[in-house]
Amino acid sequence: MDLDETNRKILKHLLVDARQSSRQIAHKLGISTVTIISRLRKLEQGKVIKGYSARLDHEILGYDITAIIEVTTRKGKMLEIEDELAKNENVCAVYDITGNTDTLVIGKFKNRNSLSDFVKNISAVSNVENTVTHIALNTIKEDFRLL
């Protein structure tokens, strides 16, 4: 997918406010609305744009705990375990990582009990050897809108 300067500008505008109309973006960039619509369609078809969503304040919604959980698995079972972890509604991200552990999970939880249950459930999964849980004390920056 070709990300020329115009496509980058369109994406930057969407990252600020995905509710903007094609007409509004066209006006800001000095391009025709038809051109914006065409480019957006191509960006969607090329899977650069995977969808549109709202940014939520998780703390206001009651998710006061952010946990970073390292998971060590038995050889050959990592992808299966990661797929299962990714299905959990509390999980925000699952990463394959280098280092002493295999997987890094970032999750949001409403209370210690829900975090405790989650970690115990991970530990009970066959082929999970170990977990190490870190709790974020403060969130300085949490924004995955990159371009």
N, C-alpha and C. Protein backbone atom coordinates (compact mmCIF):
# COMPACT_ATOMS: atom_id res chain seq x y z
N MET A 1 0.85 -1.18 0.00
CA MET A 1 0.00 0.00 0.00
C MET A 1 0.89 1.23 0.00
N ASP A 2 0.63 2.12 -0.93
CA ASP A 2 1.41 3.34 -1.06
C ASP A 2 0.91 4.38 -0.06
N LEU A 3 1.79 4.77 0.86
CA LEU A 3 1.44 5.81 1.82
C LEU A 3 2.17 7.10 1.45
N ASP A 4 1.63 7.77 0.45
CA ASP A 4 2.23 9.04 0.06
C ASP A 4 1.86 10.10 1.08
N GLU A 5 2.34 11.30 0.87
CA GLU A 5 2.13 12.38 1.84
C GLU A 5 0.65 12.70 2.03
N THR A 6 -0.13 12.63 0.98
CA THR A 6 -1.57 12.91 1.09
C THR A 6 -2.25 11.86 1.96
N ASN A 7 -1.92 10.58 1.74
CA ASN A 7 -2.50 9.52 2.57
C ASN A 7 -2.11 9.71 4.03
N ARG A 8 -0.88 10.09 4.27
CA ARG A 8 -0.43 10.31 5.66
C ARG A 8 -1.21 11.46 6.30
N LYS A 9 -1.45 12.52 5.56
CA LYS A 9 -2.22 13.65 6.09
C LYS A 9 -3.66 13.24 6.40
N ILE A 10 -4.25 12.44 5.52
CA ILE A 10 -5.61 11.95 5.75
C ILE A 10 -5.65 11.12 7.03
N LEU A 11 -4.68 10.22 7.17
CA LEU A 11 -4.63 9.36 8.35
C LEU A 11 -4.42 10.17 9.63
N LYS A 12 -3.58 11.19 9.57
CA LYS A 12 -3.36 12.04 10.75
C LYS A 12 -4.65 12.71 11.17
N HIS A 13 -5.43 13.19 10.21
CA HIS A 13 -6.70 13.82 10.54
C HIS A 13 -7.67 12.81 11.17
N LEU A 14 -7.68 11.58 10.66
CA LEU A 14 -8.55 10.56 11.24
C LEU A 14 -8.12 10.17 12.65
N LEU A 15 -6.81 10.17 12.90
CA LEU A 15 -6.33 9.84 14.23
C LEU A 15 -6.75 10.87 15.27
N VAL A 16 -6.86 12.12 14.84
CA VAL A 16 -7.32 13.17 15.75
C VAL A 16 -8.82 13.04 15.99
N ASP A 17 -9.58 12.80 14.92
CA ASP A 17 -11.04 12.68 15.05
C ASP A 17 -11.57 11.85 13.88
N ALA A 18 -11.84 10.59 14.14
CA ALA A 18 -12.32 9.68 13.09
C ALA A 18 -13.77 9.96 12.70
N ARG A 19 -14.42 10.85 13.41
CA ARG A 19 -15.80 11.19 13.07
C ARG A 19 -15.88 12.27 12.00
N GLN A 20 -14.75 12.83 11.62
CA GLN A 20 -14.77 13.85 10.58
C GLN A 20 -15.32 13.27 9.28
N SER A 21 -16.07 14.06 8.58
CA SER A 21 -16.57 13.61 7.28
C SER A 21 -15.47 13.76 6.24
N SER A 22 -15.63 13.04 5.17
CA SER A 22 -14.70 13.17 4.04
C SER A 22 -14.67 14.61 3.55
N ARG A 23 -15.82 15.25 3.58
CA ARG A 23 -15.90 16.65 3.14
C ARG A 23 -15.06 17.55 4.04
N GLN A 24 -15.12 17.33 5.36
CA GLN A 24 -14.34 18.14 6.29
C GLN A 24 -12.83 17.94 6.07
N ILE A 25 -12.43 16.70 5.89
CA ILE A 25 -11.01 16.42 5.64
C ILE A 25 -10.57 17.05 4.32
N ALA A 26 -11.40 16.92 3.30
CA ALA A 26 -11.08 17.50 1.99
C ALA A 26 -10.89 19.00 2.11
N HIS A 27 -11.78 19.65 2.85
CA HIS A 27 -11.68 21.10 3.03
C HIS A 27 -10.37 21.48 3.72
N LYS A 28 -10.01 20.74 4.78
CA LYS A 28 -8.78 21.03 5.53
C LYS A 28 -7.52 20.82 4.70
N LEU A 29 -7.57 19.82 3.79
CA LEU A 29 -6.39 19.49 2.99
C LEU A 29 -6.39 20.16 1.62
N GLY A 30 -7.49 20.82 1.27
CA GLY A 30 -7.56 21.48 -0.03
C GLY A 30 -7.63 20.49 -1.18
N ILE A 31 -8.31 19.38 -0.97
CA ILE A 31 -8.45 18.32 -1.98
C ILE A 31 -9.95 18.08 -2.16
N SER A 32 -10.33 17.49 -3.29
CA SER A 32 -11.74 17.22 -3.52
C SER A 32 -12.25 16.10 -2.60
N THR A 33 -13.53 16.19 -2.29
CA THR A 33 -14.16 15.17 -1.45
C THR A 33 -14.09 13.80 -2.11
N VAL A 34 -14.28 13.76 -3.42
CA VAL A 34 -14.22 12.49 -4.16
C VAL A 34 -12.85 11.84 -4.00
N THR A 35 -11.79 12.65 -4.04
CA THR A 35 -10.43 12.13 -3.87
C THR A 35 -10.27 11.54 -2.47
N ILE A 36 -10.77 12.21 -1.45
CA ILE A 36 -10.68 11.71 -0.08
C ILE A 36 -11.42 10.39 0.04
N ILE A 37 -12.63 10.34 -0.47
CA ILE A 37 -13.43 9.11 -0.40
C ILE A 37 -12.71 7.96 -1.09
N SER A 38 -12.15 8.22 -2.26
CA SER A 38 -11.43 7.20 -3.01
C SER A 38 -10.20 6.70 -2.24
N ARG A 39 -9.47 7.64 -1.69
CA ARG A 39 -8.26 7.25 -0.92
C ARG A 39 -8.63 6.48 0.34
N LEU A 40 -9.67 6.90 1.04
CA LEU A 40 -10.11 6.19 2.23
C LEU A 40 -10.52 4.75 1.88
N ARG A 41 -11.23 4.60 0.79
CA ARG A 41 -11.66 3.27 0.37
C ARG A 41 -10.44 2.38 0.10
N LYS A 42 -9.42 2.94 -0.57
CA LYS A 42 -8.21 2.16 -0.86
C LYS A 42 -7.45 1.83 0.43
N LEU A 43 -7.40 2.77 1.38
CA LEU A 43 -6.74 2.52 2.66
C LEU A 43 -7.47 1.44 3.45
N GLU A 44 -8.79 1.41 3.35
CA GLU A 44 -9.57 0.37 4.02
C GLU A 44 -9.36 -0.98 3.34
N GLN A 45 -9.40 -1.00 2.01
CA GLN A 45 -9.19 -2.25 1.28
C GLN A 45 -7.79 -2.80 1.47
N GLY A 46 -6.82 -1.91 1.61
CA GLY A 46 -5.43 -2.31 1.83
C GLY A 46 -5.15 -2.66 3.29
N LYS A 47 -6.19 -2.61 4.14
CA LYS A 47 -6.09 -2.96 5.57
C LYS A 47 -5.21 -2.02 6.38
N VAL A 48 -4.88 -0.84 5.81
CA VAL A 48 -4.19 0.18 6.59
C VAL A 48 -5.16 0.70 7.64
N ILE A 49 -6.40 0.95 7.24
CA ILE A 49 -7.47 1.30 8.17
C ILE A 49 -8.24 0.02 8.44
N LYS A 50 -8.18 -0.43 9.69
CA LYS A 50 -8.85 -1.68 10.07
C LYS A 50 -10.25 -1.44 10.62
N GLY A 51 -10.56 -0.21 10.97
CA GLY A 51 -11.86 0.11 11.52
C GLY A 51 -11.82 1.48 12.17
N TYR A 52 -12.93 1.89 12.71
CA TYR A 52 -13.05 3.18 13.35
C TYR A 52 -13.61 2.95 14.75
N SER A 53 -13.06 3.65 15.73
CA SER A 53 -13.54 3.44 17.08
C SER A 53 -13.34 4.71 17.91
N ALA A 54 -13.96 4.69 19.09
CA ALA A 54 -13.82 5.80 20.03
C ALA A 54 -12.68 5.49 20.99
N ARG A 55 -11.99 6.54 21.45
CA ARG A 55 -10.98 6.38 22.51
C ARG A 55 -11.69 6.59 23.83
N LEU A 56 -11.56 5.63 24.73
CA LEU A 56 -12.28 5.68 25.99
C LEU A 56 -11.33 5.94 27.15
N ASP A 57 -11.85 6.53 28.20
CA ASP A 57 -11.09 6.69 29.43
C ASP A 57 -11.42 5.49 30.31
N HIS A 58 -10.52 4.52 30.35
CA HIS A 58 -10.77 3.27 31.06
C HIS A 58 -10.98 3.48 32.56
N GLU A 59 -10.29 4.44 33.13
CA GLU A 59 -10.45 4.68 34.57
C GLU A 59 -11.85 5.17 34.90
N ILE A 60 -12.40 6.05 34.07
CA ILE A 60 -13.77 6.51 34.28
C ILE A 60 -14.74 5.34 34.18
N LEU A 61 -14.42 4.36 33.33
CA LEU A 61 -15.26 3.17 33.17
C LEU A 61 -15.03 2.14 34.28
N GLY A 62 -14.11 2.44 35.20
CA GLY A 62 -13.89 1.55 36.34
C GLY A 62 -12.72 0.60 36.21
N TYR A 63 -11.98 0.69 35.12
CA TYR A 63 -10.80 -0.18 34.95
C TYR A 63 -9.60 0.54 35.55
N ASP A 64 -9.45 0.41 36.86
CA ASP A 64 -8.43 1.15 37.60
C ASP A 64 -7.06 0.48 37.59
N ILE A 65 -7.01 -0.79 37.22
CA ILE A 65 -5.75 -1.52 37.27
C ILE A 65 -5.29 -1.88 35.87
N THR A 66 -4.06 -1.47 35.54
CA THR A 66 -3.41 -1.91 34.31
C THR A 66 -2.32 -2.89 34.71
N ALA A 67 -2.38 -4.09 34.15
CA ALA A 67 -1.40 -5.11 34.47
C ALA A 67 -0.62 -5.50 33.22
N ILE A 68 0.67 -5.70 33.42
CA ILE A 68 1.56 -6.20 32.37
C ILE A 68 1.99 -7.57 32.85
N ILE A 69 1.63 -8.60 32.09
CA ILE A 69 1.84 -9.97 32.55
C ILE A 69 2.78 -10.68 31.58
N GLU A 70 3.90 -11.17 32.12
CA GLU A 70 4.84 -11.97 31.34
C GLU A 70 4.40 -13.43 31.45
N VAL A 71 4.38 -14.13 30.32
CA VAL A 71 3.96 -15.53 30.31
C VAL A 71 5.07 -16.36 29.66
N THR A 72 5.48 -17.41 30.36
CA THR A 72 6.45 -18.36 29.81
C THR A 72 5.70 -19.65 29.50
N THR A 73 5.90 -20.17 28.29
CA THR A 73 5.17 -21.35 27.84
C THR A 73 6.14 -22.49 27.53
N ARG A 74 5.57 -23.68 27.40
CA ARG A 74 6.36 -24.82 26.95
C ARG A 74 6.55 -24.70 25.44
N LYS A 75 7.62 -25.22 24.96
CA LYS A 75 7.96 -25.14 23.53
C LYS A 75 6.81 -25.63 22.66
N GLY A 76 6.54 -24.88 21.60
CA GLY A 76 5.56 -25.30 20.61
C GLY A 76 4.12 -24.96 20.94
N LYS A 77 3.84 -24.40 22.08
CA LYS A 77 2.45 -24.12 22.48
C LYS A 77 2.16 -22.63 22.61
N MET A 78 3.15 -21.79 22.34
CA MET A 78 3.01 -20.36 22.57
C MET A 78 1.86 -19.75 21.76
N LEU A 79 1.77 -20.05 20.47
CA LEU A 79 0.74 -19.42 19.63
C LEU A 79 -0.67 -19.81 20.07
N GLU A 80 -0.86 -21.06 20.45
CA GLU A 80 -2.18 -21.50 20.93
C GLU A 80 -2.57 -20.73 22.18
N ILE A 81 -1.63 -20.60 23.10
CA ILE A 81 -1.90 -19.90 24.35
C ILE A 81 -2.17 -18.42 24.08
N GLU A 82 -1.38 -17.81 23.21
CA GLU A 82 -1.59 -16.39 22.87
C GLU A 82 -2.96 -16.17 22.25
N ASP A 83 -3.38 -17.07 21.37
CA ASP A 83 -4.70 -16.94 20.76
C ASP A 83 -5.80 -16.97 21.81
N GLU A 84 -5.66 -17.85 22.80
CA GLU A 84 -6.65 -17.93 23.87
C GLU A 84 -6.64 -16.68 24.74
N LEU A 85 -5.45 -16.19 25.08
CA LEU A 85 -5.34 -14.98 25.89
C LEU A 85 -5.99 -13.79 25.19
N ALA A 86 -5.79 -13.69 23.89
CA ALA A 86 -6.30 -12.56 23.12
C ALA A 86 -7.82 -12.50 23.11
N LYS A 87 -8.48 -13.60 23.37
CA LYS A 87 -9.95 -13.64 23.37
C LYS A 87 -10.56 -13.02 24.62
N ASN A 88 -9.77 -12.86 25.67
CA ASN A 88 -10.30 -12.35 26.93
C ASN A 88 -10.62 -10.87 26.81
N GLU A 89 -11.77 -10.46 27.30
CA GLU A 89 -12.22 -9.07 27.16
C GLU A 89 -11.37 -8.07 27.94
N ASN A 90 -10.64 -8.53 28.94
CA ASN A 90 -9.77 -7.63 29.70
C ASN A 90 -8.42 -7.39 29.02
N VAL A 91 -8.11 -8.17 28.02
CA VAL A 91 -6.80 -8.09 27.37
C VAL A 91 -6.81 -7.03 26.28
N CYS A 92 -5.87 -6.09 26.41
CA CYS A 92 -5.73 -5.01 25.43
C CYS A 92 -4.70 -5.35 24.36
N ALA A 93 -3.66 -6.11 24.74
CA ALA A 93 -2.59 -6.42 23.80
C ALA A 93 -1.91 -7.73 24.20
N VAL A 94 -1.47 -8.47 23.19
CA VAL A 94 -0.69 -9.69 23.39
C VAL A 94 0.48 -9.61 22.43
N TYR A 95 1.69 -9.75 22.96
CA TYR A 95 2.90 -9.63 22.15
C TYR A 95 3.78 -10.86 22.30
N ASP A 96 4.36 -11.35 21.19
CA ASP A 96 5.51 -12.27 21.24
C ASP A 96 6.71 -11.40 21.54
N ILE A 97 7.52 -11.80 22.49
CA ILE A 97 8.67 -10.97 22.83
C ILE A 97 9.95 -11.79 22.90
N THR A 98 11.06 -11.10 22.88
CA THR A 98 12.34 -11.74 23.09
C THR A 98 12.69 -11.63 24.56
N GLY A 99 13.64 -12.42 25.00
CA GLY A 99 14.07 -12.35 26.39
C GLY A 99 13.74 -13.61 27.13
N ASN A 100 13.58 -13.50 28.43
CA ASN A 100 13.37 -14.67 29.28
C ASN A 100 11.95 -15.22 29.23
N THR A 101 11.00 -14.42 28.79
CA THR A 101 9.62 -14.88 28.68
C THR A 101 9.21 -14.89 27.22
N ASP A 102 8.10 -15.57 26.94
CA ASP A 102 7.65 -15.74 25.56
C ASP A 102 6.63 -14.69 25.13
N THR A 103 5.76 -14.32 26.07
CA THR A 103 4.59 -13.52 25.73
C THR A 103 4.42 -12.41 26.76
N LEU A 104 3.96 -11.26 26.27
CA LEU A 104 3.64 -10.14 27.15
C LEU A 104 2.17 -9.80 26.92
N VAL A 105 1.42 -9.74 28.01
CA VAL A 105 -0.01 -9.44 27.95
C VAL A 105 -0.25 -8.14 28.71
N ILE A 106 -0.99 -7.22 28.09
CA ILE A 106 -1.39 -6.00 28.78
C ILE A 106 -2.91 -6.07 28.94
N GLY A 107 -3.34 -5.92 30.19
CA GLY A 107 -4.77 -6.01 30.47
C GLY A 107 -5.23 -4.92 31.40
N LYS A 108 -6.52 -4.66 31.38
CA LYS A 108 -7.16 -3.67 32.24
C LYS A 108 -8.19 -4.40 33.10
N PHE A 109 -8.19 -4.06 34.40
CA PHE A 109 -9.05 -4.77 35.34
C PHE A 109 -9.72 -3.78 36.27
N LYS A 110 -10.94 -4.13 36.71
CA LYS A 110 -11.71 -3.24 37.58
C LYS A 110 -11.27 -3.34 39.03
N ASN A 111 -10.72 -4.48 39.42
CA ASN A 111 -10.30 -4.65 40.81
C ASN A 111 -9.26 -5.76 40.92
N ARG A 112 -8.70 -5.89 42.11
CA ARG A 112 -7.66 -6.90 42.33
C ARG A 112 -8.20 -8.31 42.17
N ASN A 113 -9.45 -8.53 42.56
CA ASN A 113 -10.03 -9.88 42.43
C ASN A 113 -10.11 -10.32 40.98
N SER A 114 -10.53 -9.43 40.10
CA SER A 114 -10.62 -9.81 38.68
C SER A 114 -9.23 -10.06 38.10
N LEU A 115 -8.24 -9.27 38.51
CA LEU A 115 -6.86 -9.51 38.07
C LEU A 115 -6.36 -10.83 38.61
N SER A 116 -6.61 -11.09 39.88
CA SER A 116 -6.18 -12.34 40.50
C SER A 116 -6.78 -13.54 39.80
N ASP A 117 -8.07 -13.49 39.51
CA ASP A 117 -8.74 -14.59 38.80
C ASP A 117 -8.13 -14.80 37.43
N PHE A 118 -7.85 -13.69 36.73
CA PHE A 118 -7.26 -13.77 35.39
C PHE A 118 -5.90 -14.46 35.44
N VAL A 119 -5.04 -14.03 36.36
CA VAL A 119 -3.70 -14.61 36.46
C VAL A 119 -3.77 -16.07 36.87
N LYS A 120 -4.66 -16.41 37.78
CA LYS A 120 -4.82 -17.81 38.18
C LYS A 120 -5.31 -18.67 37.02
N ASN A 121 -6.19 -18.12 36.20
CA ASN A 121 -6.67 -18.86 35.03
C ASN A 121 -5.55 -19.08 34.01
N ILE A 122 -4.70 -18.07 33.82
CA ILE A 122 -3.56 -18.24 32.92
C ILE A 122 -2.64 -19.33 33.46
N SER A 123 -2.35 -19.27 34.73
CA SER A 123 -1.44 -20.24 35.35
C SER A 123 -1.98 -21.66 35.28
N ALA A 124 -3.29 -21.81 35.24
CA ALA A 124 -3.91 -23.14 35.18
C ALA A 124 -3.93 -23.73 33.77
N VAL A 125 -3.64 -22.93 32.75
CA VAL A 125 -3.64 -23.41 31.37
C VAL A 125 -2.47 -24.38 31.19
N SER A 126 -2.80 -25.53 30.59
CA SER A 126 -1.71 -26.47 30.36
C SER A 126 -0.70 -25.83 29.40
N ASN A 127 0.54 -26.14 29.61
CA ASN A 127 1.67 -25.62 28.82
C ASN A 127 2.08 -24.20 29.18
N VAL A 128 1.46 -23.60 30.21
CA VAL A 128 1.97 -22.35 30.76
C VAL A 128 2.88 -22.73 31.91
N GLU A 129 4.14 -22.34 31.80
CA GLU A 129 5.11 -22.69 32.83
C GLU A 129 5.16 -21.68 33.96
N ASN A 130 5.02 -20.37 33.62
CA ASN A 130 5.19 -19.36 34.64
C ASN A 130 4.55 -18.04 34.19
N THR A 131 4.13 -17.25 35.16
CA THR A 131 3.69 -15.88 34.88
C THR A 131 4.35 -14.93 35.87
N VAL A 132 4.60 -13.72 35.41
CA VAL A 132 5.09 -12.65 36.28
C VAL A 132 4.20 -11.45 36.00
N THR A 133 3.57 -10.94 37.05
CA THR A 133 2.61 -9.84 36.87
C THR A 133 3.18 -8.54 37.43
N HIS A 134 3.09 -7.50 36.62
CA HIS A 134 3.49 -6.16 37.02
C HIS A 134 2.23 -5.29 37.01
N ILE A 135 2.09 -4.43 37.99
CA ILE A 135 0.95 -3.52 38.03
C ILE A 135 1.46 -2.10 37.81
N ALA A 136 0.84 -1.40 36.87
CA ALA A 136 1.22 -0.02 36.58
C ALA A 136 0.72 0.87 37.72
N LEU A 137 1.62 1.64 38.30
CA LEU A 137 1.24 2.56 39.37
C LEU A 137 0.60 3.83 38.81
N ASN A 138 1.16 4.34 37.72
CA ASN A 138 0.64 5.53 37.06
C ASN A 138 0.79 5.35 35.56
N THR A 139 -0.14 5.90 34.81
CA THR A 139 -0.05 5.88 33.36
C THR A 139 0.41 7.26 32.91
N ILE A 140 1.61 7.34 32.41
CA ILE A 140 2.16 8.60 31.94
C ILE A 140 1.70 8.87 30.51
N LYS A 141 1.77 7.84 29.68
CA LYS A 141 1.30 7.96 28.30
C LYS A 141 0.77 6.62 27.86
N GLU A 142 -0.38 6.64 27.21
CA GLU A 142 -0.96 5.43 26.63
C GLU A 142 -1.70 5.85 25.38
N ASP A 143 -1.03 5.76 24.26
CA ASP A 143 -1.61 6.22 23.00
C ASP A 143 -0.95 5.47 21.87
N PHE A 144 -1.70 4.65 21.19
CA PHE A 144 -1.16 3.84 20.10
C PHE A 144 -1.42 4.47 18.73
N ARG A 145 -1.79 5.73 18.71
CA ARG A 145 -2.06 6.41 17.44
C ARG A 145 -0.75 6.93 16.87
N LEU A 146 -0.09 6.11 16.07
CA LEU A 146 1.19 6.46 15.48
C LEU A 146 1.05 6.67 13.97
N LEU A 147 1.88 7.51 13.46
CA LEU A 147 1.97 7.66 12.00
C LEU A 147 3.26 8.35 11.66
